[in-house]
């Protein structure tokens, strides 16, 4: 594939998206949804930005989140990635 920009080069634009959007809205829901799917729950409830978000459990989204979590498992040896996720407040969703 083509060369990719480094995480260091992308961090100034990616960090706010991760910190302000992913870590506050999507990832809390994705983690709760994954756990609900694992338990076989029909519905999921997640704390999102100080409120409660409820909906039916999304099994495909749970599988996708689990795949990303597993892929990041081996990539977390990369100090730049570990630091980026920690600084953005997202590391807790992938541990």
PDB file of N, CA and C in Angstrom:
ATOM      1  N   UNK A   1       0.800  -1.173   0.000  1.00  0.00           N
ATOM      2  CA  UNK A   1       0.000   0.000   0.000  1.00  0.00           C
ATOM      3  C   UNK A   1       0.855   1.254   0.000  1.00  0.00           C
ATOM      4  N   UNK A   2       0.207   2.332  -0.150  1.00  0.00           N
ATOM      5  CA  UNK A   2       0.866   3.641  -0.156  1.00  0.00           C
ATOM      6  C   UNK A   2       1.393   3.962   1.235  1.00  0.00           C
ATOM      7  N   UNK A   3       2.350   4.846   1.321  1.00  0.00           N
ATOM      8  CA  UNK A   3       2.835   5.241   2.651  1.00  0.00           C
ATOM      9  C   UNK A   3       1.738   6.014   3.390  1.00  0.00           C
ATOM     10  N   UNK A   4       1.695   5.820   4.692  1.00  0.00           N
ATOM     11  CA  UNK A   4       0.709   6.493   5.523  1.00  0.00           C
ATOM     12  C   UNK A   4       1.381   7.573   6.348  1.00  0.00           C
ATOM     13  N   UNK A   5       0.633   8.595   6.689  1.00  0.00           N
ATOM     14  CA  UNK A   5       1.156   9.635   7.577  1.00  0.00           C
ATOM     15  C   UNK A   5       1.354   9.023   8.960  1.00  0.00           C
ATOM     16  N   UNK A   6       2.321   9.526   9.669  1.00  0.00           N
ATOM     17  CA  UNK A   6       2.602   9.013  11.011  1.00  0.00           C
ATOM     18  C   UNK A   6       1.517   9.464  11.985  1.00  0.00           C
ATOM     19  N   UNK A   7       1.383   8.732  13.064  1.00  0.00           N
ATOM     20  CA  UNK A   7       0.433   9.115  14.102  1.00  0.00           C
ATOM     21  C   UNK A   7       0.802  10.477  14.665  1.00  0.00           C
ATOM     22  N   UNK A   8       2.086  10.727  14.782  1.00  0.00           N
ATOM     23  CA  UNK A   8       2.553  12.028  15.275  1.00  0.00           C
ATOM     24  C   UNK A   8       2.052  13.162  14.378  1.00  0.00           C
ATOM     25  N   UNK A   9       2.079  12.953  13.073  1.00  0.00           N
ATOM     26  CA  UNK A   9       1.612  13.980  12.138  1.00  0.00           C
ATOM     27  C   UNK A   9       0.091  14.140  12.182  1.00  0.00           C
ATOM     28  N   UNK A  10      -0.612  13.052  12.433  1.00  0.00           N
ATOM     29  CA  UNK A  10      -2.076  13.084  12.441  1.00  0.00           C
ATOM     30  C   UNK A  10      -2.678  13.484  13.780  1.00  0.00           C
ATOM     31  N   UNK A  11      -1.912  13.347  14.849  1.00  0.00           N
ATOM     32  CA  UNK A  11      -2.431  13.582  16.201  1.00  0.00           C
ATOM     33  C   UNK A  11      -3.137  14.926  16.386  1.00  0.00           C
ATOM     34  N   UNK A  12      -2.617  16.029  15.859  1.00  0.00           N
ATOM     35  CA  UNK A  12      -3.310  17.309  16.083  1.00  0.00           C
ATOM     36  C   UNK A  12      -4.752  17.339  15.560  1.00  0.00           C
ATOM     37  N   UNK A  13      -5.037  16.608  14.497  1.00  0.00           N
ATOM     38  CA  UNK A  13      -6.411  16.592  13.989  1.00  0.00           C
ATOM     39  C   UNK A  13      -7.216  15.419  14.539  1.00  0.00           C
ATOM     40  N   UNK A  14      -6.556  14.294  14.798  1.00  0.00           N
ATOM     41  CA  UNK A  14      -7.267  13.124  15.319  1.00  0.00           C
ATOM     42  C   UNK A  14      -7.593  13.224  16.805  1.00  0.00           C
ATOM     43  N   UNK A  15      -6.691  13.777  17.583  1.00  0.00           N
ATOM     44  CA  UNK A  15      -6.872  13.808  19.044  1.00  0.00           C
ATOM     45  C   UNK A  15      -8.193  14.458  19.460  1.00  0.00           C
ATOM     46  N   UNK A  16      -8.574  15.609  18.903  1.00  0.00           N
ATOM     47  CA  UNK A  16      -9.856  16.199  19.306  1.00  0.00           C
ATOM     48  C   UNK A  16     -11.063  15.323  18.945  1.00  0.00           C
ATOM     49  N   UNK A  17     -11.000  14.637  17.825  1.00  0.00           N
ATOM     50  CA  UNK A  17     -12.098  13.750  17.431  1.00  0.00           C
ATOM     51  C   UNK A  17     -12.206  12.589  18.416  1.00  0.00           C
ATOM     52  N   UNK A  18     -11.071  12.014  18.758  1.00  0.00           N
ATOM     53  CA  UNK A  18     -11.070  10.917  19.729  1.00  0.00           C
ATOM     54  C   UNK A  18     -11.538  11.408  21.093  1.00  0.00           C
ATOM     55  N   UNK A  19     -10.961  12.508  21.568  1.00  0.00           N
ATOM     56  CA  UNK A  19     -11.266  13.008  22.915  1.00  0.00           C
ATOM     57  C   UNK A  19     -12.698  13.524  23.044  1.00  0.00           C
ATOM     58  N   UNK A  20     -13.164  14.264  22.053  1.00  0.00           N
ATOM     59  CA  UNK A  20     -14.468  14.927  22.160  1.00  0.00           C
ATOM     60  C   UNK A  20     -15.642  14.110  21.635  1.00  0.00           C
ATOM     61  N   UNK A  21     -15.378  13.165  20.765  1.00  0.00           N
ATOM     62  CA  UNK A  21     -16.471  12.385  20.180  1.00  0.00           C
ATOM     63  C   UNK A  21     -16.391  10.909  20.565  1.00  0.00           C
ATOM     64  N   UNK A  22     -15.368  10.227  20.085  1.00  0.00           N
ATOM     65  CA  UNK A  22     -15.284   8.778  20.305  1.00  0.00           C
ATOM     66  C   UNK A  22     -15.288   8.391  21.774  1.00  0.00           C
ATOM     67  N   UNK A  23     -14.473   9.054  22.571  1.00  0.00           N
ATOM     68  CA  UNK A  23     -14.331   8.678  23.987  1.00  0.00           C
ATOM     69  C   UNK A  23     -15.531   9.077  24.831  1.00  0.00           C
ATOM     70  N   UNK A  24     -16.288  10.030  24.378  1.00  0.00           N
ATOM     71  CA  UNK A  24     -17.439  10.504  25.158  1.00  0.00           C
ATOM     72  C   UNK A  24     -18.761   9.875  24.728  1.00  0.00           C
ATOM     73  N   UNK A  25     -18.849   9.463  23.475  1.00  0.00           N
ATOM     74  CA  UNK A  25     -20.136   8.968  22.990  1.00  0.00           C
ATOM     75  C   UNK A  25     -20.057   7.532  22.478  1.00  0.00           C
ATOM     76  N   UNK A  26     -19.305   7.317  21.421  1.00  0.00           N
ATOM     77  CA  UNK A  26     -19.311   6.005  20.776  1.00  0.00           C
ATOM     78  C   UNK A  26     -18.691   4.904  21.632  1.00  0.00           C
ATOM     79  N   UNK A  27     -17.509   5.117  22.173  1.00  0.00           N
ATOM     80  CA  UNK A  27     -16.830   4.042  22.894  1.00  0.00           C
ATOM     81  C   UNK A  27     -17.534   3.600  24.174  1.00  0.00           C
ATOM     82  N   UNK A  28     -18.120   4.510  24.968  1.00  0.00           N
ATOM     83  CA  UNK A  28     -18.880   4.016  26.126  1.00  0.00           C
ATOM     84  C   UNK A  28     -20.048   3.113  25.698  1.00  0.00           C
ATOM     85  N   UNK A  29     -20.733   3.516  24.633  1.00  0.00           N
ATOM     86  CA  UNK A  29     -21.818   2.690  24.114  1.00  0.00           C
ATOM     87  C   UNK A  29     -21.282   1.376  23.554  1.00  0.00           C
ATOM     88  N   UNK A  30     -20.208   1.434  22.771  1.00  0.00           N
ATOM     89  CA  UNK A  30     -19.662   0.229  22.143  1.00  0.00           C
ATOM     90  C   UNK A  30     -19.228  -0.796  23.183  1.00  0.00           C
ATOM     91  N   UNK A  31     -18.584  -0.335  24.240  1.00  0.00           N
ATOM     92  CA  UNK A  31     -18.141  -1.254  25.290  1.00  0.00           C
ATOM     93  C   UNK A  31     -19.344  -1.867  26.008  1.00  0.00           C
ATOM     94  N   UNK A  32     -20.329  -1.050  26.354  1.00  0.00           N
ATOM     95  CA  UNK A  32     -21.533  -1.559  27.017  1.00  0.00           C
ATOM     96  C   UNK A  32     -22.296  -2.511  26.098  1.00  0.00           C
ATOM     97  N   UNK A  33     -22.385  -2.174  24.830  1.00  0.00           N
ATOM     98  CA  UNK A  33     -23.072  -3.014  23.854  1.00  0.00           C
ATOM     99  C   UNK A  33     -22.372  -4.362  23.715  1.00  0.00           C
ATOM    100  N   UNK A  34     -21.053  -4.344  23.692  1.00  0.00           N
ATOM    101  CA  UNK A  34     -20.277  -5.580  23.594  1.00  0.00           C
ATOM    102  C   UNK A  34     -20.541  -6.493  24.788  1.00  0.00           C
ATOM    103  N   UNK A  35     -20.545  -5.901  25.975  1.00  0.00           N
ATOM    104  CA  UNK A  35     -20.812  -6.689  27.187  1.00  0.00           C
ATOM    105  C   UNK A  35     -22.235  -7.239  27.182  1.00  0.00           C
ATOM    106  N   UNK A  36     -23.190  -6.425  26.729  1.00  0.00           N
ATOM    107  CA  UNK A  36     -24.582  -6.876  26.658  1.00  0.00           C
ATOM    108  C   UNK A  36     -24.719  -8.038  25.676  1.00  0.00           C
ATOM    109  N   UNK A  37     -24.058  -7.939  24.535  1.00  0.00           N
ATOM    110  CA  UNK A  37     -24.108  -9.012  23.539  1.00  0.00           C
ATOM    111  C   UNK A  37     -23.475 -10.286  24.096  1.00  0.00           C
ATOM    112  N   UNK A  38     -22.379 -10.124  24.806  1.00  0.00           N
ATOM    113  CA  UNK A  38     -21.690 -11.272  25.406  1.00  0.00           C
ATOM    114  C   UNK A  38     -22.603 -12.003  26.400  1.00  0.00           C
ATOM    115  N   UNK A  39     -23.387 -11.242  27.141  1.00  0.00           N
ATOM    116  CA  UNK A  39     -24.316 -11.825  28.120  1.00  0.00           C
ATOM    117  C   UNK A  39     -25.603 -12.334  27.471  1.00  0.00           C
ATOM    118  N   UNK A  40     -25.828 -11.942  26.215  1.00  0.00           N
ATOM    119  CA  UNK A  40     -27.061 -12.321  25.536  1.00  0.00           C
ATOM    120  C   UNK A  40     -28.236 -11.437  25.892  1.00  0.00           C
ATOM    121  N   UNK A  41     -27.949 -10.234  26.381  1.00  0.00           N
ATOM    122  CA  UNK A  41     -29.011  -9.298  26.750  1.00  0.00           C
ATOM    123  C   UNK A  41     -29.730  -8.779  25.504  1.00  0.00           C
ATOM    124  N   UNK A  42     -31.024  -8.610  25.617  1.00  0.00           N
ATOM    125  CA  UNK A  42     -31.823  -8.074  24.514  1.00  0.00           C
ATOM    126  C   UNK A  42     -31.581  -6.576  24.336  1.00  0.00           C
ATOM    127  N   UNK A  43     -31.360  -5.870  25.447  1.00  0.00           N
ATOM    128  CA  UNK A  43     -31.174  -4.421  25.414  1.00  0.00           C
ATOM    129  C   UNK A  43     -29.856  -4.039  26.073  1.00  0.00           C
ATOM    130  N   UNK A  44     -29.377  -2.861  25.712  1.00  0.00           N
ATOM    131  CA  UNK A  44     -28.152  -2.320  26.294  1.00  0.00           C
ATOM    132  C   UNK A  44     -28.453  -0.934  26.852  1.00  0.00           C
ATOM    133  N   UNK A  45     -27.809  -0.626  27.951  1.00  0.00           N
ATOM    134  CA  UNK A  45     -27.912   0.693  28.570  1.00  0.00           C
ATOM    135  C   UNK A  45     -26.492   1.186  28.792  1.00  0.00           C
ATOM    136  N   UNK A  46     -26.214   2.396  28.340  1.00  0.00           N
ATOM    137  CA  UNK A  46     -24.867   2.947  28.472  1.00  0.00           C
ATOM    138  C   UNK A  46     -24.938   4.373  28.991  1.00  0.00           C
ATOM    139  N   UNK A  47     -23.965   4.725  29.799  1.00  0.00           N
ATOM    140  CA  UNK A  47     -23.835   6.100  30.276  1.00  0.00           C
ATOM    141  C   UNK A  47     -23.062   6.879  29.219  1.00  0.00           C
ATOM    142  N   UNK A  48     -23.727   7.851  28.629  1.00  0.00           N
ATOM    143  CA  UNK A  48     -23.125   8.645  27.557  1.00  0.00           C
ATOM    144  C   UNK A  48     -23.273  10.116  27.903  1.00  0.00           C
ATOM    145  N   UNK A  49     -22.149  10.780  28.095  1.00  0.00           N
ATOM    146  CA  UNK A  49     -22.112  12.201  28.423  1.00  0.00           C
ATOM    147  C   UNK A  49     -23.067  12.560  29.563  1.00  0.00           C
ATOM    148  N   UNK A  50     -23.018  11.795  30.631  1.00  0.00           N
ATOM    149  CA  UNK A  50     -23.806  12.098  31.816  1.00  0.00           C
ATOM    150  C   UNK A  50     -25.250  11.649  31.776  1.00  0.00           C
ATOM    151  N   UNK A  51     -25.672  11.090  30.668  1.00  0.00           N
ATOM    152  CA  UNK A  51     -27.036  10.593  30.551  1.00  0.00           C
ATOM    153  C   UNK A  51     -27.039   9.102  30.281  1.00  0.00           C
ATOM    154  N   UNK A  52     -28.221   8.548  30.223  1.00  0.00           N
ATOM    155  CA  UNK A  52     -28.356   7.125  29.938  1.00  0.00           C
ATOM    156  C   UNK A  52     -28.917   6.951  28.540  1.00  0.00           C
ATOM    157  N   UNK A  53     -28.244   6.121  27.766  1.00  0.00           N
ATOM    158  CA  UNK A  53     -28.684   5.811  26.410  1.00  0.00           C
ATOM    159  C   UNK A  53     -29.071   4.340  26.386  1.00  0.00           C
ATOM    160  N   UNK A  54     -30.283   4.053  25.927  1.00  0.00           N
ATOM    161  CA  UNK A  54     -30.769   2.678  25.883  1.00  0.00           C
ATOM    162  C   UNK A  54     -31.270   2.343  24.485  1.00  0.00           C
ATOM    163  N   UNK A  55     -30.995   1.114  24.076  1.00  0.00           N
ATOM    164  CA  UNK A  55     -31.501   0.617  22.802  1.00  0.00           C
ATOM    165  C   UNK A  55     -31.328  -0.894  22.783  1.00  0.00           C
ATOM    166  N   UNK A  56     -31.804  -1.525  21.724  1.00  0.00           N
ATOM    167  CA  UNK A  56     -31.612  -2.967  21.613  1.00  0.00           C
ATOM    168  C   UNK A  56     -30.132  -3.245  21.339  1.00  0.00           C
ATOM    169  N   UNK A  57     -29.663  -4.362  21.843  1.00  0.00           N
ATOM    170  CA  UNK A  57     -28.265  -4.749  21.663  1.00  0.00           C
ATOM    171  C   UNK A  57     -27.988  -4.971  20.182  1.00  0.00           C
ATOM    172  N   UNK A  58     -26.878  -4.450  19.731  1.00  0.00           N
ATOM    173  CA  UNK A  58     -26.471  -4.550  18.334  1.00  0.00           C
ATOM    174  C   UNK A  58     -25.332  -5.567  18.227  1.00  0.00           C
ATOM    175  N   UNK A  59     -25.644  -6.791  17.810  1.00  0.00           N
ATOM    176  CA  UNK A  59     -24.650  -7.863  17.790  1.00  0.00           C
ATOM    177  C   UNK A  59     -23.533  -7.634  16.780  1.00  0.00           C
ATOM    178  N   UNK A  60     -23.859  -7.125  15.600  1.00  0.00           N
ATOM    179  CA  UNK A  60     -22.818  -6.876  14.602  1.00  0.00           C
ATOM    180  C   UNK A  60     -21.856  -5.802  15.102  1.00  0.00           C
ATOM    181  N   UNK A  61     -22.378  -4.745  15.707  1.00  0.00           N
ATOM    182  CA  UNK A  61     -21.526  -3.680  16.255  1.00  0.00           C
ATOM    183  C   UNK A  61     -20.659  -4.221  17.383  1.00  0.00           C
ATOM    184  N   UNK A  62     -21.204  -5.137  18.176  1.00  0.00           N
ATOM    185  CA  UNK A  62     -20.421  -5.746  19.256  1.00  0.00           C
ATOM    186  C   UNK A  62     -19.258  -6.537  18.679  1.00  0.00           C
ATOM    187  N   UNK A  63     -19.511  -7.295  17.631  1.00  0.00           N
ATOM    188  CA  UNK A  63     -18.449  -8.073  16.993  1.00  0.00           C
ATOM    189  C   UNK A  63     -17.394  -7.151  16.383  1.00  0.00           C
ATOM    190  N   UNK A  64     -17.825  -6.052  15.789  1.00  0.00           N
ATOM    191  CA  UNK A  64     -16.883  -5.098  15.199  1.00  0.00           C
ATOM    192  C   UNK A  64     -16.010  -4.462  16.276  1.00  0.00           C
ATOM    193  N   UNK A  65     -16.615  -4.049  17.377  1.00  0.00           N
ATOM    194  CA  UNK A  65     -15.859  -3.460  18.489  1.00  0.00           C
ATOM    195  C   UNK A  65     -14.863  -4.471  19.049  1.00  0.00           C
ATOM    196  N   UNK A  66     -15.299  -5.710  19.225  1.00  0.00           N
ATOM    197  CA  UNK A  66     -14.403  -6.744  19.741  1.00  0.00           C
ATOM    198  C   UNK A  66     -13.233  -6.978  18.796  1.00  0.00           C
ATOM    199  N   UNK A  67     -13.476  -6.917  17.494  1.00  0.00           N
ATOM    200  CA  UNK A  67     -12.398  -7.084  16.512  1.00  0.00           C
ATOM    201  C   UNK A  67     -11.379  -5.961  16.614  1.00  0.00           C
ATOM    202  N   UNK A  68     -11.860  -4.744  16.766  1.00  0.00           N
ATOM    203  CA  UNK A  68     -10.950  -3.601  16.911  1.00  0.00           C
ATOM    204  C   UNK A  68     -10.156  -3.731  18.204  1.00  0.00           C
ATOM    205  N   UNK A  69     -10.835  -4.117  19.273  1.00  0.00           N
ATOM    206  CA  UNK A  69     -10.167  -4.287  20.567  1.00  0.00           C
ATOM    207  C   UNK A  69      -9.065  -5.340  20.477  1.00  0.00           C
ATOM    208  N   UNK A  70      -9.344  -6.451  19.831  1.00  0.00           N
ATOM    209  CA  UNK A  70      -8.351  -7.515  19.671  1.00  0.00           C
ATOM    210  C   UNK A  70      -7.192  -7.053  18.797  1.00  0.00           C
ATOM    211  N   UNK A  71      -7.488  -6.352  17.718  1.00  0.00           N
ATOM    212  CA  UNK A  71      -6.433  -5.854  16.834  1.00  0.00           C
ATOM    213  C   UNK A  71      -5.531  -4.870  17.561  1.00  0.00           C
ATOM    214  N   UNK A  72      -6.127  -4.049  18.402  1.00  0.00           N
ATOM    215  CA  UNK A  72      -5.331  -3.088  19.161  1.00  0.00           C
ATOM    216  C   UNK A  72      -4.492  -3.760  20.238  1.00  0.00           C
ATOM    217  N   UNK A  73      -4.890  -4.943  20.663  1.00  0.00           N
ATOM    218  CA  UNK A  73      -4.155  -5.653  21.702  1.00  0.00           C
ATOM    219  C   UNK A  73      -2.685  -5.790  21.381  1.00  0.00           C
ATOM    220  N   UNK A  74      -2.362  -6.272  20.192  1.00  0.00           N
ATOM    221  CA  UNK A  74      -0.961  -6.428  19.814  1.00  0.00           C
ATOM    222  C   UNK A  74      -0.332  -5.094  19.423  1.00  0.00           C
ATOM    223  N   UNK A  75      -1.133  -4.184  18.906  1.00  0.00           N
ATOM    224  CA  UNK A  75      -0.599  -2.879  18.499  1.00  0.00           C
ATOM    225  C   UNK A  75      -0.263  -1.994  19.693  1.00  0.00           C
ATOM    226  N   UNK A  76      -0.777  -2.335  20.874  1.00  0.00           N
ATOM    227  CA  UNK A  76      -0.541  -1.508  22.057  1.00  0.00           C
ATOM    228  C   UNK A  76       0.908  -1.560  22.535  1.00  0.00           C
ATOM    229  N   UNK A  77       1.730  -2.364  21.886  1.00  0.00           N
ATOM    230  CA  UNK A  77       3.162  -2.348  22.184  1.00  0.00           C
ATOM    231  C   UNK A  77       3.799  -1.076  21.623  1.00  0.00           C
ATOM    232  N   UNK A  78       3.121  -0.440  20.699  1.00  0.00           N
ATOM    233  CA  UNK A  78       3.601   0.806  20.099  1.00  0.00           C
ATOM    234  C   UNK A  78       3.371   1.939  21.097  1.00  0.00           C
ATOM    235  N   UNK A  79       4.452   2.518  21.585  1.00  0.00           N
ATOM    236  CA  UNK A  79       4.362   3.569  22.608  1.00  0.00           C
ATOM    237  C   UNK A  79       3.596   4.795  22.116  1.00  0.00           C
ATOM    238  N   UNK A  80       3.765   5.149  20.849  1.00  0.00           N
ATOM    239  CA  UNK A  80       3.063   6.323  20.309  1.00  0.00           C
ATOM    240  C   UNK A  80       1.549   6.103  20.334  1.00  0.00           C
ATOM    241  N   UNK A  81       1.117   4.910  19.963  1.00  0.00           N
ATOM    242  CA  UNK A  81      -0.314   4.603  19.979  1.00  0.00           C
ATOM    243  C   UNK A  81      -0.838   4.572  21.407  1.00  0.00           C
ATOM    244  N   UNK A  82      -0.094   3.942  22.297  1.00  0.00           N
ATOM    245  CA  UNK A  82      -0.493   3.870  23.702  1.00  0.00           C
ATOM    246  C   UNK A  82      -0.642   5.271  24.290  1.00  0.00           C
ATOM    247  N   UNK A  83       0.320   6.131  24.010  1.00  0.00           N
ATOM    248  CA  UNK A  83       0.285   7.509  24.509  1.00  0.00           C
ATOM    249  C   UNK A  83      -0.880   8.280  23.904  1.00  0.00           C
ATOM    250  N   UNK A  84      -1.086   8.119  22.605  1.00  0.00           N
ATOM    251  CA  UNK A  84      -2.183   8.811  21.927  1.00  0.00           C
ATOM    252  C   UNK A  84      -3.528   8.445  22.558  1.00  0.00           C
ATOM    253  N   UNK A  85      -3.786   7.156  22.718  1.00  0.00           N
ATOM    254  CA  UNK A  85      -5.063   6.714  23.287  1.00  0.00           C
ATOM    255  C   UNK A  85      -5.214   7.148  24.735  1.00  0.00           C
ATOM    256  N   UNK A  86      -4.137   7.105  25.490  1.00  0.00           N
ATOM    257  CA  UNK A  86      -4.182   7.540  26.892  1.00  0.00           C
ATOM    258  C   UNK A  86      -4.480   9.032  26.967  1.00  0.00           C
ATOM    259  N   UNK A  87      -3.753   9.831  26.187  1.00  0.00           N
ATOM    260  CA  UNK A  87      -3.951  11.281  26.203  1.00  0.00           C
ATOM    261  C   UNK A  87      -5.356  11.675  25.742  1.00  0.00           C
ATOM    262  N   UNK A  88      -5.918  10.917  24.822  1.00  0.00           N
ATOM    263  CA  UNK A  88      -7.270  11.204  24.325  1.00  0.00           C
ATOM    264  C   UNK A  88      -8.346  10.711  25.293  1.00  0.00           C
ATOM    265  N   UNK A  89      -7.947   9.905  26.275  1.00  0.00           N
ATOM    266  CA  UNK A  89      -8.911   9.373  27.237  1.00  0.00           C
ATOM    267  C   UNK A  89      -9.609   8.114  26.765  1.00  0.00           C
ATOM    268  N   UNK A  90      -9.053   7.462  25.760  1.00  0.00           N
ATOM    269  CA  UNK A  90      -9.702   6.292  25.173  1.00  0.00           C
ATOM    270  C   UNK A  90      -9.083   4.957  25.572  1.00  0.00           C
ATOM    271  N   UNK A  91      -7.927   4.961  26.194  1.00  0.00           N
ATOM    272  CA  UNK A  91      -7.223   3.706  26.485  1.00  0.00           C
ATOM    273  C   UNK A  91      -8.081   2.742  27.294  1.00  0.00           C
ATOM    274  N   UNK A  92      -8.895   3.254  28.191  1.00  0.00           N
ATOM    275  CA  UNK A  92      -9.708   2.387  29.064  1.00  0.00           C
ATOM    276  C   UNK A  92     -10.714   1.535  28.289  1.00  0.00           C
ATOM    277  N   UNK A  93     -11.029   1.925  27.083  1.00  0.00           N
ATOM    278  CA  UNK A  93     -11.987   1.164  26.293  1.00  0.00           C
ATOM    279  C   UNK A  93     -11.350   0.002  25.543  1.00  0.00           C
ATOM    280  N   UNK A  94     -10.037  -0.051  25.551  1.00  0.00           N
ATOM    281  CA  UNK A  94      -9.345  -1.090  24.800  1.00  0.00           C
ATOM    282  C   UNK A  94      -8.528  -2.028  25.665  1.00  0.00           C
ATOM    283  N   UNK A  95      -8.582  -1.863  26.979  1.00  0.00           N
ATOM    284  CA  UNK A  95      -7.799  -2.707  27.877  1.00  0.00           C
ATOM    285  C   UNK A  95      -8.506  -3.965  28.258  1.00  0.00           C
TER     286      UNK A  95
END
